Amino acid sequence: QVRLVESGGGSAQAGGSLGLSCAASLSARSFTDYSMGWLRQAPGKSPEGVAVMDSDGSTDYLDSVKGRFIISRNNANNTLYLQMNSLKPEDTAMYYCVADVRGGSVVSWIKDYNFRGQGTQVTVSS
């Protein structure tokens, strides 16, 4: 079983920063077996992959967040992070932590990852 619990998020002004964390509880495999990512969904829109980090450290980002968001992971404490800088109102969405075994490092693939957390809301005001 895989359990993903997000924290962080909240509200920010445009141009501000927020950080998200995802604590992973894994019963069968090592955290390093998993590709980990952040998925977001705004009201009335389809989910979109924001950032992904494979177990080898390779990363990929949604074009609209490149240069502003940074994904990282701490394999020692089974935690995934997303640092979001220069936030824009269009970043407003529910953000989900996602995981899959050897899911790869292509951000558009993470919509199909098998494991997803409950989500944390990010709201950016102009």
N, C-alpha and C. Protein backbone atom coordinates (compact mmCIF):
# COMPACT_ATOMS: atom_id res chain seq x y z
N GLN A 1 0.82 -1.20 0.00
CA GLN A 1 0.00 0.00 0.00
C GLN A 1 0.86 1.25 0.00
N VAL A 2 0.36 2.29 -0.61
CA VAL A 2 1.03 3.58 -0.66
C VAL A 2 0.06 4.64 -0.14
N ARG A 3 0.53 5.42 0.80
CA ARG A 3 -0.28 6.53 1.31
C ARG A 3 0.53 7.81 1.14
N LEU A 4 -0.09 8.80 0.52
CA LEU A 4 0.57 10.08 0.25
C LEU A 4 -0.22 11.17 0.97
N VAL A 5 0.47 11.96 1.76
CA VAL A 5 -0.18 13.02 2.53
C VAL A 5 0.50 14.35 2.23
N GLU A 6 -0.25 15.25 1.62
CA GLU A 6 0.28 16.55 1.27
C GLU A 6 0.12 17.53 2.44
N SER A 7 1.02 18.49 2.49
CA SER A 7 0.91 19.60 3.43
C SER A 7 1.49 20.84 2.78
N GLY A 8 1.22 21.97 3.41
CA GLY A 8 1.64 23.24 2.83
C GLY A 8 0.50 23.81 2.01
N GLY A 9 0.83 24.60 1.04
CA GLY A 9 -0.22 25.25 0.27
C GLY A 9 -0.81 26.42 1.04
N GLY A 10 -2.01 26.82 0.63
CA GLY A 10 -2.65 27.96 1.26
C GLY A 10 -2.82 29.09 0.27
N SER A 11 -2.75 30.31 0.76
CA SER A 11 -2.99 31.48 -0.08
C SER A 11 -1.74 32.33 -0.19
N ALA A 12 -1.58 32.97 -1.34
CA ALA A 12 -0.45 33.86 -1.56
C ALA A 12 -0.84 34.94 -2.54
N GLN A 13 -0.13 36.03 -2.50
CA GLN A 13 -0.29 37.09 -3.49
C GLN A 13 0.51 36.72 -4.74
N ALA A 14 0.10 37.23 -5.86
CA ALA A 14 0.88 37.05 -7.08
C ALA A 14 2.31 37.56 -6.86
N GLY A 15 3.26 36.76 -7.33
CA GLY A 15 4.66 37.09 -7.12
C GLY A 15 5.24 36.47 -5.87
N GLY A 16 4.38 35.91 -5.03
CA GLY A 16 4.85 35.31 -3.79
C GLY A 16 5.28 33.87 -3.97
N SER A 17 5.55 33.22 -2.84
CA SER A 17 6.05 31.85 -2.85
C SER A 17 5.27 30.99 -1.86
N LEU A 18 5.18 29.72 -2.18
CA LEU A 18 4.61 28.72 -1.29
C LEU A 18 5.38 27.43 -1.47
N GLY A 19 5.37 26.59 -0.44
CA GLY A 19 6.02 25.29 -0.53
C GLY A 19 5.07 24.18 -0.17
N LEU A 20 5.14 23.10 -0.89
CA LEU A 20 4.33 21.92 -0.63
C LEU A 20 5.23 20.76 -0.22
N SER A 21 4.70 19.91 0.63
CA SER A 21 5.40 18.69 1.02
C SER A 21 4.47 17.52 0.85
N CYS A 22 5.04 16.36 0.62
CA CYS A 22 4.27 15.13 0.50
C CYS A 22 5.01 14.03 1.25
N ALA A 23 4.39 13.54 2.30
CA ALA A 23 4.98 12.44 3.07
C ALA A 23 4.41 11.13 2.55
N ALA A 24 5.30 10.23 2.19
CA ALA A 24 4.88 8.95 1.62
C ALA A 24 5.06 7.83 2.63
N SER A 25 4.01 7.04 2.79
CA SER A 25 4.08 5.83 3.60
C SER A 25 3.98 4.64 2.66
N LEU A 26 5.00 3.79 2.72
CA LEU A 26 5.10 2.70 1.75
C LEU A 26 5.25 1.39 2.51
N SER A 27 4.47 0.40 2.15
CA SER A 27 4.51 -0.84 2.91
C SER A 27 5.36 -1.91 2.26
N ALA A 28 5.52 -1.86 0.95
CA ALA A 28 6.17 -2.98 0.28
C ALA A 28 7.48 -2.60 -0.41
N ARG A 29 7.52 -1.42 -1.01
CA ARG A 29 8.69 -1.04 -1.78
C ARG A 29 9.41 0.13 -1.14
N SER A 30 10.62 0.33 -1.60
CA SER A 30 11.39 1.48 -1.15
C SER A 30 10.92 2.74 -1.87
N PHE A 31 11.03 3.86 -1.17
CA PHE A 31 10.66 5.16 -1.76
C PHE A 31 11.43 5.39 -3.05
N THR A 32 12.64 4.90 -3.11
CA THR A 32 13.48 5.12 -4.29
C THR A 32 13.00 4.33 -5.51
N ASP A 33 12.07 3.41 -5.32
CA ASP A 33 11.50 2.70 -6.46
C ASP A 33 10.48 3.53 -7.22
N TYR A 34 10.03 4.63 -6.59
CA TYR A 34 8.91 5.39 -7.12
C TYR A 34 9.34 6.65 -7.85
N SER A 35 8.69 6.86 -8.99
CA SER A 35 8.70 8.18 -9.60
C SER A 35 7.64 8.99 -8.86
N MET A 36 7.96 10.24 -8.54
CA MET A 36 7.08 11.08 -7.73
C MET A 36 6.79 12.38 -8.47
N GLY A 37 5.57 12.87 -8.31
CA GLY A 37 5.25 14.10 -9.02
C GLY A 37 4.15 14.90 -8.35
N TRP A 38 3.91 16.06 -8.92
CA TRP A 38 2.82 16.95 -8.49
C TRP A 38 1.88 17.19 -9.65
N LEU A 39 0.62 16.94 -9.39
CA LEU A 39 -0.46 17.10 -10.36
C LEU A 39 -1.36 18.21 -9.83
N ARG A 40 -1.95 19.01 -10.69
CA ARG A 40 -2.89 20.02 -10.21
C ARG A 40 -4.16 20.02 -11.05
N GLN A 41 -5.22 20.45 -10.42
CA GLN A 41 -6.49 20.56 -11.12
C GLN A 41 -7.22 21.80 -10.66
N ALA A 42 -7.48 22.68 -11.60
CA ALA A 42 -8.24 23.89 -11.32
C ALA A 42 -9.72 23.60 -11.59
N PRO A 43 -10.62 24.35 -10.96
CA PRO A 43 -12.05 24.11 -11.17
C PRO A 43 -12.43 24.19 -12.64
N GLY A 44 -13.14 23.18 -13.11
CA GLY A 44 -13.59 23.17 -14.49
C GLY A 44 -12.55 22.80 -15.51
N LYS A 45 -11.36 22.42 -15.04
CA LYS A 45 -10.28 22.07 -15.96
C LYS A 45 -9.81 20.64 -15.73
N SER A 46 -9.14 20.09 -16.72
CA SER A 46 -8.59 18.74 -16.58
C SER A 46 -7.32 18.78 -15.73
N PRO A 47 -7.00 17.67 -15.09
CA PRO A 47 -5.75 17.63 -14.33
C PRO A 47 -4.55 17.81 -15.27
N GLU A 48 -3.51 18.44 -14.74
CA GLU A 48 -2.28 18.58 -15.53
C GLU A 48 -1.06 18.32 -14.65
N GLY A 49 -0.11 17.62 -15.22
CA GLY A 49 1.13 17.37 -14.51
C GLY A 49 1.93 18.66 -14.39
N VAL A 50 2.41 18.93 -13.20
CA VAL A 50 3.17 20.15 -12.93
C VAL A 50 4.66 19.87 -12.92
N ALA A 51 5.06 18.82 -12.20
CA ALA A 51 6.47 18.50 -12.07
C ALA A 51 6.61 17.03 -11.70
N VAL A 52 7.69 16.43 -12.13
CA VAL A 52 7.96 15.03 -11.81
C VAL A 52 9.45 14.87 -11.54
N MET A 53 9.75 13.97 -10.61
CA MET A 53 11.14 13.60 -10.36
C MET A 53 11.23 12.09 -10.31
N ASP A 54 12.05 11.54 -11.15
CA ASP A 54 12.23 10.10 -11.18
C ASP A 54 13.18 9.70 -10.06
N SER A 55 13.28 8.41 -9.84
CA SER A 55 14.12 7.92 -8.75
C SER A 55 15.60 8.22 -8.99
N ASP A 56 15.99 8.45 -10.25
CA ASP A 56 17.39 8.79 -10.52
C ASP A 56 17.66 10.28 -10.46
N GLY A 57 16.65 11.04 -10.08
CA GLY A 57 16.81 12.47 -9.93
C GLY A 57 16.46 13.29 -11.15
N SER A 58 16.16 12.64 -12.26
CA SER A 58 15.79 13.39 -13.45
C SER A 58 14.42 14.05 -13.24
N THR A 59 14.24 15.22 -13.82
CA THR A 59 13.04 16.00 -13.60
C THR A 59 12.44 16.48 -14.92
N ASP A 60 11.18 16.83 -14.84
CA ASP A 60 10.49 17.44 -15.97
C ASP A 60 9.42 18.35 -15.40
N TYR A 61 9.14 19.44 -16.10
CA TYR A 61 8.18 20.43 -15.63
C TYR A 61 7.21 20.82 -16.73
N LEU A 62 6.02 21.21 -16.30
CA LEU A 62 5.06 21.85 -17.17
C LEU A 62 5.70 23.14 -17.68
N ASP A 63 5.54 23.45 -18.95
CA ASP A 63 6.22 24.61 -19.52
C ASP A 63 5.90 25.90 -18.75
N SER A 64 4.67 26.04 -18.31
CA SER A 64 4.26 27.29 -17.68
C SER A 64 4.86 27.50 -16.28
N VAL A 65 5.48 26.47 -15.70
CA VAL A 65 6.07 26.62 -14.38
C VAL A 65 7.59 26.53 -14.41
N LYS A 66 8.17 26.26 -15.56
CA LYS A 66 9.62 26.16 -15.67
C LYS A 66 10.27 27.47 -15.25
N GLY A 67 11.30 27.35 -14.44
CA GLY A 67 11.98 28.52 -13.94
C GLY A 67 11.35 29.13 -12.70
N ARG A 68 10.15 28.67 -12.34
CA ARG A 68 9.46 29.19 -11.15
C ARG A 68 9.28 28.13 -10.07
N PHE A 69 9.03 26.90 -10.46
CA PHE A 69 8.80 25.81 -9.51
C PHE A 69 10.01 24.89 -9.47
N ILE A 70 10.26 24.33 -8.30
CA ILE A 70 11.37 23.39 -8.14
C ILE A 70 10.87 22.17 -7.39
N ILE A 71 11.04 21.00 -7.99
CA ILE A 71 10.67 19.75 -7.34
C ILE A 71 11.91 19.12 -6.74
N SER A 72 11.75 18.54 -5.57
CA SER A 72 12.88 17.85 -4.94
C SER A 72 12.34 16.72 -4.08
N ARG A 73 13.21 15.83 -3.70
CA ARG A 73 12.80 14.72 -2.86
C ARG A 73 13.90 14.38 -1.87
N ASN A 74 13.49 13.91 -0.70
CA ASN A 74 14.42 13.45 0.31
C ASN A 74 14.16 11.97 0.50
N ASN A 75 15.02 11.15 -0.07
CA ASN A 75 14.81 9.70 0.00
C ASN A 75 15.03 9.14 1.40
N ALA A 76 15.70 9.87 2.25
CA ALA A 76 15.95 9.39 3.61
C ALA A 76 14.69 9.45 4.46
N ASN A 77 13.82 10.43 4.19
CA ASN A 77 12.60 10.53 4.99
C ASN A 77 11.33 10.43 4.15
N ASN A 78 11.46 9.86 2.95
CA ASN A 78 10.29 9.56 2.10
C ASN A 78 9.40 10.78 1.86
N THR A 79 10.03 11.88 1.51
CA THR A 79 9.27 13.12 1.34
C THR A 79 9.57 13.76 -0.01
N LEU A 80 8.51 14.26 -0.62
CA LEU A 80 8.61 15.00 -1.87
C LEU A 80 8.25 16.45 -1.60
N TYR A 81 8.89 17.36 -2.31
CA TYR A 81 8.65 18.79 -2.11
C TYR A 81 8.36 19.48 -3.44
N LEU A 82 7.67 20.60 -3.34
CA LEU A 82 7.52 21.49 -4.48
C LEU A 82 7.63 22.91 -3.97
N GLN A 83 8.67 23.60 -4.39
CA GLN A 83 8.84 25.02 -4.05
C GLN A 83 8.28 25.83 -5.21
N MET A 84 7.33 26.68 -4.91
CA MET A 84 6.66 27.46 -5.94
C MET A 84 6.97 28.93 -5.73
N ASN A 85 7.65 29.53 -6.68
CA ASN A 85 8.04 30.93 -6.62
C ASN A 85 7.36 31.72 -7.74
N SER A 86 7.38 33.02 -7.60
CA SER A 86 6.78 33.91 -8.61
C SER A 86 5.39 33.42 -9.00
N LEU A 87 4.59 33.16 -8.01
CA LEU A 87 3.27 32.59 -8.25
C LEU A 87 2.38 33.53 -9.06
N LYS A 88 1.51 32.91 -9.84
CA LYS A 88 0.57 33.65 -10.68
C LYS A 88 -0.85 33.18 -10.35
N PRO A 89 -1.84 34.02 -10.58
CA PRO A 89 -3.22 33.59 -10.31
C PRO A 89 -3.60 32.30 -11.03
N GLU A 90 -3.02 32.08 -12.20
CA GLU A 90 -3.33 30.86 -12.94
C GLU A 90 -2.72 29.60 -12.33
N ASP A 91 -1.91 29.75 -11.29
CA ASP A 91 -1.41 28.60 -10.55
C ASP A 91 -2.43 28.11 -9.53
N THR A 92 -3.51 28.84 -9.35
CA THR A 92 -4.54 28.45 -8.40
C THR A 92 -5.15 27.12 -8.81
N ALA A 93 -5.11 26.15 -7.88
CA ALA A 93 -5.61 24.80 -8.17
C ALA A 93 -5.49 23.96 -6.91
N MET A 94 -6.08 22.77 -6.97
CA MET A 94 -5.80 21.74 -5.98
C MET A 94 -4.57 21.00 -6.47
N TYR A 95 -3.59 20.86 -5.59
CA TYR A 95 -2.35 20.19 -5.94
C TYR A 95 -2.31 18.82 -5.27
N TYR A 96 -1.98 17.82 -6.08
CA TYR A 96 -1.94 16.44 -5.61
C TYR A 96 -0.54 15.87 -5.76
N CYS A 97 -0.12 15.13 -4.76
CA CYS A 97 1.10 14.34 -4.84
C CYS A 97 0.74 13.01 -5.50
N VAL A 98 1.56 12.59 -6.46
CA VAL A 98 1.30 11.33 -7.16
C VAL A 98 2.56 10.49 -7.20
N ALA A 99 2.36 9.19 -7.33
CA ALA A 99 3.51 8.27 -7.33
C ALA A 99 3.20 7.05 -8.16
N ASP A 100 4.23 6.47 -8.71
CA ASP A 100 4.11 5.19 -9.39
C ASP A 100 5.48 4.56 -9.46
N VAL A 101 5.47 3.25 -9.51
CA VAL A 101 6.74 2.54 -9.58
C VAL A 101 7.32 2.71 -10.98
N ARG A 102 8.51 3.24 -11.05
CA ARG A 102 9.22 3.43 -12.32
C ARG A 102 8.33 4.12 -13.34
N GLY A 103 7.69 5.19 -12.89
CA GLY A 103 6.76 5.92 -13.75
C GLY A 103 7.42 6.75 -14.83
N GLY A 104 8.73 6.94 -14.73
CA GLY A 104 9.42 7.75 -15.72
C GLY A 104 9.44 9.21 -15.32
N SER A 105 10.06 10.02 -16.13
CA SER A 105 10.22 11.43 -15.81
C SER A 105 9.65 12.32 -16.90
N VAL A 106 8.50 11.96 -17.41
CA VAL A 106 7.79 12.81 -18.38
C VAL A 106 6.55 13.35 -17.68
N VAL A 107 6.49 14.67 -17.55
CA VAL A 107 5.47 15.27 -16.68
C VAL A 107 4.05 14.98 -17.18
N SER A 108 3.88 14.84 -18.48
CA SER A 108 2.53 14.61 -18.99
C SER A 108 2.02 13.21 -18.64
N TRP A 109 2.91 12.31 -18.24
CA TRP A 109 2.49 10.95 -17.92
C TRP A 109 1.88 10.84 -16.53
N ILE A 110 2.15 11.80 -15.66
CA ILE A 110 1.82 11.57 -14.26
C ILE A 110 0.32 11.61 -13.98
N LYS A 111 -0.47 12.06 -14.96
CA LYS A 111 -1.93 11.99 -14.78
C LYS A 111 -2.37 10.54 -14.61
N ASP A 112 -1.60 9.60 -15.11
CA ASP A 112 -1.96 8.18 -15.07
C ASP A 112 -1.25 7.43 -13.94
N TYR A 113 -0.53 8.11 -13.11
CA TYR A 113 0.12 7.43 -11.99
C TYR A 113 -0.93 6.77 -11.10
N ASN A 114 -0.55 5.64 -10.49
CA ASN A 114 -1.51 4.83 -9.75
C ASN A 114 -1.86 5.36 -8.37
N PHE A 115 -0.99 6.14 -7.77
CA PHE A 115 -1.23 6.57 -6.39
C PHE A 115 -1.32 8.09 -6.32
N ARG A 116 -2.30 8.58 -5.56
CA ARG A 116 -2.55 10.01 -5.45
C ARG A 116 -2.98 10.35 -4.04
N GLY A 117 -2.49 11.48 -3.53
CA GLY A 117 -2.90 11.94 -2.21
C GLY A 117 -4.24 12.65 -2.26
N GLN A 118 -4.64 13.19 -1.12
CA GLN A 118 -5.94 13.86 -1.03
C GLN A 118 -5.91 15.27 -1.57
N GLY A 119 -4.76 15.84 -1.70
CA GLY A 119 -4.64 17.16 -2.29
C GLY A 119 -4.55 18.28 -1.27
N THR A 120 -3.97 19.38 -1.70
CA THR A 120 -3.89 20.59 -0.89
C THR A 120 -4.15 21.79 -1.81
N GLN A 121 -4.93 22.73 -1.31
CA GLN A 121 -5.36 23.85 -2.13
C GLN A 121 -4.30 24.94 -2.16
N VAL A 122 -4.06 25.46 -3.35
CA VAL A 122 -3.20 26.63 -3.53
C VAL A 122 -4.04 27.72 -4.21
N THR A 123 -4.09 28.89 -3.59
CA THR A 123 -4.86 30.00 -4.13
C THR A 123 -3.95 31.21 -4.24
N VAL A 124 -3.87 31.76 -5.45
CA VAL A 124 -3.02 32.92 -5.70
C VAL A 124 -3.90 34.08 -6.13
N SER A 125 -3.80 35.17 -5.42
CA SER A 125 -4.61 36.34 -5.73
C SER A 125 -3.77 37.40 -6.42
N SER A 126 -4.43 38.16 -7.27
CA SER A 126 -3.69 39.18 -8.04
C SER A 126 -3.61 40.48 -7.28
